[in-house]
Amino acid sequence: MRALRILVVALVAALACTVSPGARAAAPAQRAMWVWDRPQVKGLVAFATRNGVQDLFVSVPTDLPTSGQLPWFRTLRTQASAAGIRVHALGSETTWIDDHAAALRWQAAALGTGLFDGVHLDVEPWLHPDWDGPGRDAVLGRYLDLLAASCGATALRCEADVAFWLDTVAVPEGRLDDAVLTRVDAVTVMSYRNTATGPDSITAVGEAVLAAAARAGKPARLAVETNDLGPDPVARKQTFWGFTQAQLSTALAAVDAAEAGAPAYAGVAVQDRAGWEALRRT
């Protein structure tokens, strides 16, 4: 009997070794979604559940504990948790680059409610008025310090949105994407294109940050846009506005398939709830 057990174990091990990487990657695709508005909670959770969204990045006001929005957030937390959906406090003030104390007050107030699973920072230094001038290096230094301060102030998951071209920006310690990844737990790459693969696609423009995330041992999501950005051809290629929800789903599945072997790939985030839900069903 002992010899038989050894044989069975050996056969199982051999079969495991022959399973293709694609087969091992058959876990459900990870989805996240930005929520900037205050839709009816039941409908929001139902839409997220229907589309396999596990993480909501929800914009949080500066005064949440005393805000009239607090009941909405409490309801969201209850219903989202029941559906197995995580809720992250989303903050996006460019002015925080120059006022870390304000960012930390916002974060402490939000997390002090006990309603969130993490922090999601959509602070974009390229929107700072000094970005295109001689003050850029100082802006970058304060931006990186902000990420370090925010993530250092909480034990919860702390993430940041990043542009796909951060590998082209130099900072004293090397590349900006690498520098960001030393300070946060995860990133979401704004890889805003409406094709999944090929030149100038979601996966192509996201490649550099995914590689940086893999070096850092941190997860990275790719991201897509669904809102109307205008008629300009460059704007049009950055959004799924005008597509159907089914076409978006097909494209996201193609991204999942293309990135199945990427060690840092953590799924796709959709910008945003309102745009996604407004896409035609057929």
Protein backbone atom coordinates (compact mmCIF):
# COMPACT_ATOMS: atom_id res chain seq x y z
CA MET A 1 0.00 0.00 0.00
CA ARG A 2 2.83 2.38 0.78
CA ALA A 3 4.29 1.81 -2.70
CA LEU A 4 0.85 2.52 -4.22
CA ARG A 5 0.56 5.79 -2.30
CA ILE A 6 4.01 6.86 -3.50
CA LEU A 7 3.01 6.07 -7.09
CA VAL A 8 -0.20 8.13 -6.81
CA VAL A 9 1.69 11.11 -5.37
CA ALA A 10 4.24 10.91 -8.16
CA LEU A 11 1.51 10.81 -10.82
CA VAL A 12 -0.26 13.83 -9.31
CA ALA A 13 3.01 15.76 -9.20
CA ALA A 14 3.74 14.88 -12.81
CA LEU A 15 0.31 16.04 -13.93
CA ALA A 16 0.73 19.31 -12.05
CA CYS A 17 3.98 19.98 -13.84
CA THR A 18 2.36 19.46 -17.26
CA VAL A 19 -0.48 21.96 -16.70
CA SER A 20 0.05 24.92 -19.02
CA PRO A 21 0.50 28.43 -17.59
CA GLY A 22 -2.73 29.43 -19.31
CA ALA A 23 -4.63 26.71 -17.49
CA ARG A 24 -3.17 27.74 -14.15
CA ALA A 25 -4.27 31.34 -14.84
CA ALA A 26 -7.95 30.40 -15.03
CA ALA A 27 -8.84 32.30 -11.84
CA PRO A 28 -11.60 34.92 -12.23
CA ALA A 29 -10.38 38.18 -13.75
CA GLN A 30 -9.85 40.98 -11.24
CA ARG A 31 -11.85 44.17 -11.85
CA ALA A 32 -11.87 47.54 -10.12
CA MET A 33 -13.90 50.69 -10.75
CA TRP A 34 -13.64 54.37 -9.89
CA VAL A 35 -16.76 55.93 -8.38
CA TRP A 36 -16.80 59.74 -8.34
CA ASP A 37 -20.54 60.28 -7.90
CA ARG A 38 -23.14 59.08 -5.40
CA PRO A 39 -25.43 56.67 -7.23
CA GLN A 40 -28.11 54.64 -5.51
CA VAL A 41 -26.14 52.10 -3.47
CA LYS A 42 -28.18 49.03 -4.31
CA GLY A 43 -27.81 49.70 -8.03
CA LEU A 44 -24.09 50.44 -7.70
CA VAL A 45 -23.39 47.19 -5.87
CA ALA A 46 -25.56 45.23 -8.31
CA PHE A 47 -23.71 46.71 -11.29
CA ALA A 48 -20.34 45.99 -9.70
CA THR A 49 -21.35 42.42 -8.87
CA ARG A 50 -22.72 41.81 -12.36
CA ASN A 51 -19.43 42.91 -13.88
CA GLY A 52 -17.14 41.07 -11.50
CA VAL A 53 -15.81 44.18 -9.77
CA GLN A 54 -14.01 43.34 -6.53
CA ASP A 55 -12.65 46.81 -5.70
CA LEU A 56 -14.35 50.22 -5.68
CA PHE A 57 -12.26 53.39 -5.57
CA VAL A 58 -14.79 55.82 -4.10
CA SER A 59 -14.14 59.56 -3.96
CA VAL A 60 -14.23 60.73 -0.34
CA PRO A 61 -14.86 64.33 0.82
CA THR A 62 -12.45 66.05 3.16
CA ASP A 63 -14.94 66.14 6.03
CA LEU A 64 -16.47 62.67 5.81
CA PRO A 65 -17.09 62.11 9.57
CA THR A 66 -19.25 65.26 9.73
CA SER A 67 -20.49 65.16 6.15
CA GLY A 68 -24.05 64.59 5.04
CA GLN A 69 -22.57 61.89 2.80
CA LEU A 70 -21.62 59.68 5.74
CA PRO A 71 -24.91 57.67 5.71
CA TRP A 72 -24.37 56.90 2.01
CA PHE A 73 -20.89 55.57 2.75
CA ARG A 74 -22.18 53.48 5.65
CA THR A 75 -24.81 51.92 3.42
CA LEU A 76 -22.24 51.29 0.72
CA ARG A 77 -19.89 49.62 3.16
CA THR A 78 -22.61 47.31 4.46
CA GLN A 79 -23.89 46.27 1.03
CA ALA A 80 -20.47 46.06 -0.62
CA SER A 81 -19.08 43.91 2.18
CA ALA A 82 -22.07 41.60 1.91
CA ALA A 83 -21.28 41.21 -1.80
CA GLY A 84 -17.58 40.58 -1.17
CA ILE A 85 -16.52 43.93 -2.64
CA ARG A 86 -13.72 46.01 -1.12
CA VAL A 87 -14.11 49.81 -0.77
CA HIS A 88 -11.09 52.12 -1.03
CA ALA A 89 -10.99 55.79 -0.04
CA LEU A 90 -10.17 57.74 -3.20
CA GLY A 91 -8.37 61.08 -2.92
CA SER A 92 -7.28 63.21 -5.86
CA GLU A 93 -6.18 66.70 -4.83
CA THR A 94 -3.19 67.97 -6.79
CA THR A 95 -2.73 70.62 -4.06
CA TRP A 96 -1.72 67.84 -1.67
CA ILE A 97 1.68 67.80 -3.38
CA ASP A 98 2.29 71.13 -1.67
CA ASP A 99 0.25 70.43 1.48
CA HIS A 100 0.98 67.02 2.91
CA ALA A 101 -0.73 67.92 6.16
CA ALA A 102 -4.04 68.38 4.35
CA ALA A 103 -3.66 64.99 2.67
CA LEU A 104 -2.94 63.29 5.98
CA ARG A 105 -5.91 65.00 7.65
CA TRP A 106 -8.17 63.78 4.83
CA GLN A 107 -6.79 60.26 5.11
CA ALA A 108 -7.07 60.09 8.90
CA ALA A 109 -10.64 61.37 8.81
CA ALA A 110 -11.67 58.89 6.12
CA LEU A 111 -9.99 55.85 7.62
CA GLY A 112 -11.12 56.80 11.11
CA THR A 113 -14.68 55.93 10.09
CA GLY A 114 -13.69 52.27 9.71
CA LEU A 115 -15.52 52.15 6.37
CA PHE A 116 -12.59 51.47 4.03
CA ASP A 117 -10.28 48.64 3.09
CA GLY A 118 -7.54 50.89 1.79
CA VAL A 119 -6.43 54.22 0.34
CA HIS A 120 -6.31 55.00 -3.38
CA LEU A 121 -4.43 58.15 -4.40
CA ASP A 122 -5.15 59.70 -7.78
CA VAL A 123 -2.71 62.57 -7.33
CA GLU A 124 -1.19 63.45 -10.72
CA PRO A 125 1.94 65.62 -10.51
CA TRP A 126 1.82 66.44 -14.24
CA LEU A 127 -1.26 68.56 -13.44
CA HIS A 128 0.75 70.72 -11.03
CA PRO A 129 1.30 74.27 -12.36
CA ASP A 130 5.09 73.90 -11.99
CA TRP A 131 5.30 70.64 -13.96
CA ASP A 132 6.33 72.29 -17.24
CA GLY A 133 8.80 74.70 -15.70
CA PRO A 134 12.07 74.67 -13.80
CA GLY A 135 10.23 73.61 -10.66
CA ARG A 136 9.44 70.10 -11.93
CA ASP A 137 12.17 68.39 -9.93
CA ALA A 138 10.89 69.97 -6.72
CA VAL A 139 7.33 68.90 -7.59
CA LEU A 140 8.50 65.33 -8.11
CA GLY A 141 10.31 65.30 -4.79
CA ARG A 142 7.25 66.57 -2.92
CA TYR A 143 5.02 64.10 -4.80
CA LEU A 144 7.17 61.14 -3.79
CA ASP A 145 7.29 62.42 -0.22
CA LEU A 146 3.49 62.63 -0.25
CA LEU A 147 3.18 59.00 -1.30
CA ALA A 148 5.64 57.94 1.40
CA ALA A 149 3.83 59.94 4.07
CA SER A 150 0.37 58.74 3.12
CA CYS A 151 1.30 55.09 2.83
CA GLY A 152 3.44 55.26 5.94
CA ALA A 153 0.50 56.57 7.96
CA THR A 154 -1.69 53.50 7.49
CA ALA A 155 -1.39 49.75 7.74
CA LEU A 156 -4.16 49.38 5.15
CA ARG A 157 -3.40 48.83 1.48
CA CYS A 158 -2.18 52.08 -0.07
CA GLU A 159 -2.26 52.44 -3.84
CA ALA A 160 -1.60 55.13 -6.46
CA ASP A 161 -2.71 55.84 -10.00
CA VAL A 162 0.19 56.39 -12.40
CA ALA A 163 0.64 57.45 -16.02
CA PHE A 164 1.99 54.76 -18.31
CA TRP A 165 4.95 56.95 -19.34
CA LEU A 166 6.51 57.37 -15.88
CA ASP A 167 9.48 55.27 -16.99
CA THR A 168 10.55 58.24 -19.15
CA VAL A 169 10.77 60.62 -16.17
CA ALA A 170 14.04 60.73 -14.25
CA VAL A 171 14.35 61.30 -10.50
CA PRO A 172 17.51 61.20 -8.36
CA GLU A 173 17.00 57.54 -7.49
CA GLY A 174 16.37 56.48 -11.11
CA ARG A 175 13.03 56.21 -12.92
CA LEU A 176 9.84 57.72 -11.56
CA ASP A 177 7.82 54.50 -11.93
CA ASP A 178 10.38 52.58 -9.87
CA ALA A 179 10.46 55.36 -7.28
CA VAL A 180 6.67 55.34 -6.91
CA LEU A 181 6.62 51.58 -6.50
CA THR A 182 9.06 51.72 -3.57
CA ARG A 183 6.53 53.87 -1.68
CA VAL A 184 3.14 52.26 -2.38
CA ASP A 185 1.61 48.81 -2.12
CA ALA A 186 0.20 48.72 -5.66
CA VAL A 187 -0.38 50.90 -8.71
CA THR A 188 -3.07 51.32 -11.33
CA VAL A 189 -1.69 52.29 -14.74
CA MET A 190 -3.78 54.77 -16.73
CA SER A 191 -3.28 52.75 -19.91
CA TYR A 192 -6.16 54.52 -21.63
CA ARG A 193 -6.54 52.94 -25.07
CA ASN A 194 -9.51 51.19 -26.69
CA THR A 195 -7.65 48.24 -28.20
CA ALA A 196 -6.44 45.34 -26.08
CA THR A 197 -3.27 44.29 -27.90
CA GLY A 198 -0.98 45.42 -30.68
CA PRO A 199 0.80 48.74 -31.18
CA ASP A 200 -0.44 51.63 -29.02
CA SER A 201 -2.85 49.35 -27.14
CA ILE A 202 -3.77 48.89 -23.47
CA THR A 203 -1.18 46.17 -23.01
CA ALA A 204 1.48 47.94 -25.09
CA VAL A 205 1.39 51.24 -23.22
CA GLY A 206 1.12 49.47 -19.86
CA GLU A 207 4.12 47.22 -20.48
CA ALA A 208 6.80 49.41 -18.88
CA VAL A 209 4.98 49.92 -15.57
CA LEU A 210 4.00 46.25 -15.39
CA ALA A 211 7.67 45.37 -15.75
CA ALA A 212 8.61 47.88 -13.05
CA ALA A 213 5.94 46.43 -10.75
CA ALA A 214 7.28 42.94 -11.35
CA ARG A 215 10.79 44.09 -10.36
CA ALA A 216 9.36 45.66 -7.21
CA GLY A 217 7.23 42.62 -6.37
CA LYS A 218 4.09 44.78 -6.33
CA PRO A 219 0.74 44.25 -8.10
CA ALA A 220 -0.30 46.55 -10.94
CA ARG A 221 -3.65 46.99 -12.62
CA LEU A 222 -4.11 48.30 -16.12
CA ALA A 223 -6.97 50.76 -16.63
CA VAL A 224 -9.43 51.87 -19.29
CA GLU A 225 -11.59 54.94 -19.82
CA THR A 226 -15.30 54.91 -20.75
CA ASN A 227 -16.27 58.58 -20.77
CA ASP A 228 -16.55 60.94 -23.74
CA LEU A 229 -13.19 62.75 -24.07
CA GLY A 230 -14.13 64.69 -27.19
CA PRO A 231 -13.95 64.18 -30.97
CA ASP A 232 -10.20 64.55 -31.42
CA PRO A 233 -8.68 61.30 -32.80
CA VAL A 234 -6.12 61.17 -30.00
CA ALA A 235 -8.92 61.52 -27.42
CA ARG A 236 -11.09 58.94 -29.16
CA LYS A 237 -8.44 56.23 -29.00
CA GLN A 238 -8.21 56.71 -25.24
CA THR A 239 -11.78 55.73 -24.40
CA PHE A 240 -14.40 53.04 -24.92
CA TRP A 241 -17.10 55.72 -25.13
CA GLY A 242 -19.31 54.79 -28.08
CA PHE A 243 -18.62 51.06 -27.64
CA THR A 244 -21.09 48.65 -26.07
CA GLN A 245 -20.71 47.05 -22.66
CA ALA A 246 -20.24 43.70 -24.41
CA GLN A 247 -17.43 45.11 -26.56
CA LEU A 248 -15.73 46.47 -23.45
CA SER A 249 -16.03 43.10 -21.71
CA THR A 250 -14.52 41.36 -24.74
CA ALA A 251 -11.59 43.78 -24.79
CA LEU A 252 -10.94 43.36 -21.07
CA ALA A 253 -10.99 39.58 -21.46
CA ALA A 254 -8.41 39.94 -24.25
CA VAL A 255 -6.21 41.99 -21.90
CA ASP A 256 -6.53 39.29 -19.24
CA ALA A 257 -5.51 36.65 -21.77
CA ALA A 258 -2.56 38.67 -23.03
CA GLU A 259 -1.27 39.34 -19.50
CA ALA A 260 -1.98 35.88 -18.07
CA GLY A 261 1.71 35.17 -17.58
CA ALA A 262 2.71 38.61 -16.30
CA PRO A 263 3.76 38.26 -12.64
CA ALA A 264 2.58 41.72 -11.56
CA TYR A 265 -0.70 41.85 -13.49
CA ALA A 266 -3.68 42.34 -11.16
CA GLY A 267 -6.54 42.87 -13.60
CA VAL A 268 -8.24 45.94 -15.06
CA ALA A 269 -9.74 49.04 -13.47
CA VAL A 270 -12.50 50.94 -15.28
CA GLN A 271 -12.82 54.72 -15.27
CA ASP A 272 -15.57 55.17 -14.19
CA ARG A 273 -18.91 53.92 -12.84
CA ALA A 274 -20.97 56.54 -14.67
CA GLY A 275 -19.22 56.07 -18.01
CA TRP A 276 -19.27 52.28 -17.86
CA GLU A 277 -22.92 52.07 -16.93
CA ALA A 278 -23.81 54.57 -19.68
CA LEU A 279 -22.33 52.34 -22.40
CA ARG A 280 -25.01 50.74 -24.56
CA ARG A 281 -26.04 47.22 -23.58
CA THR A 282 -26.25 46.20 -27.25
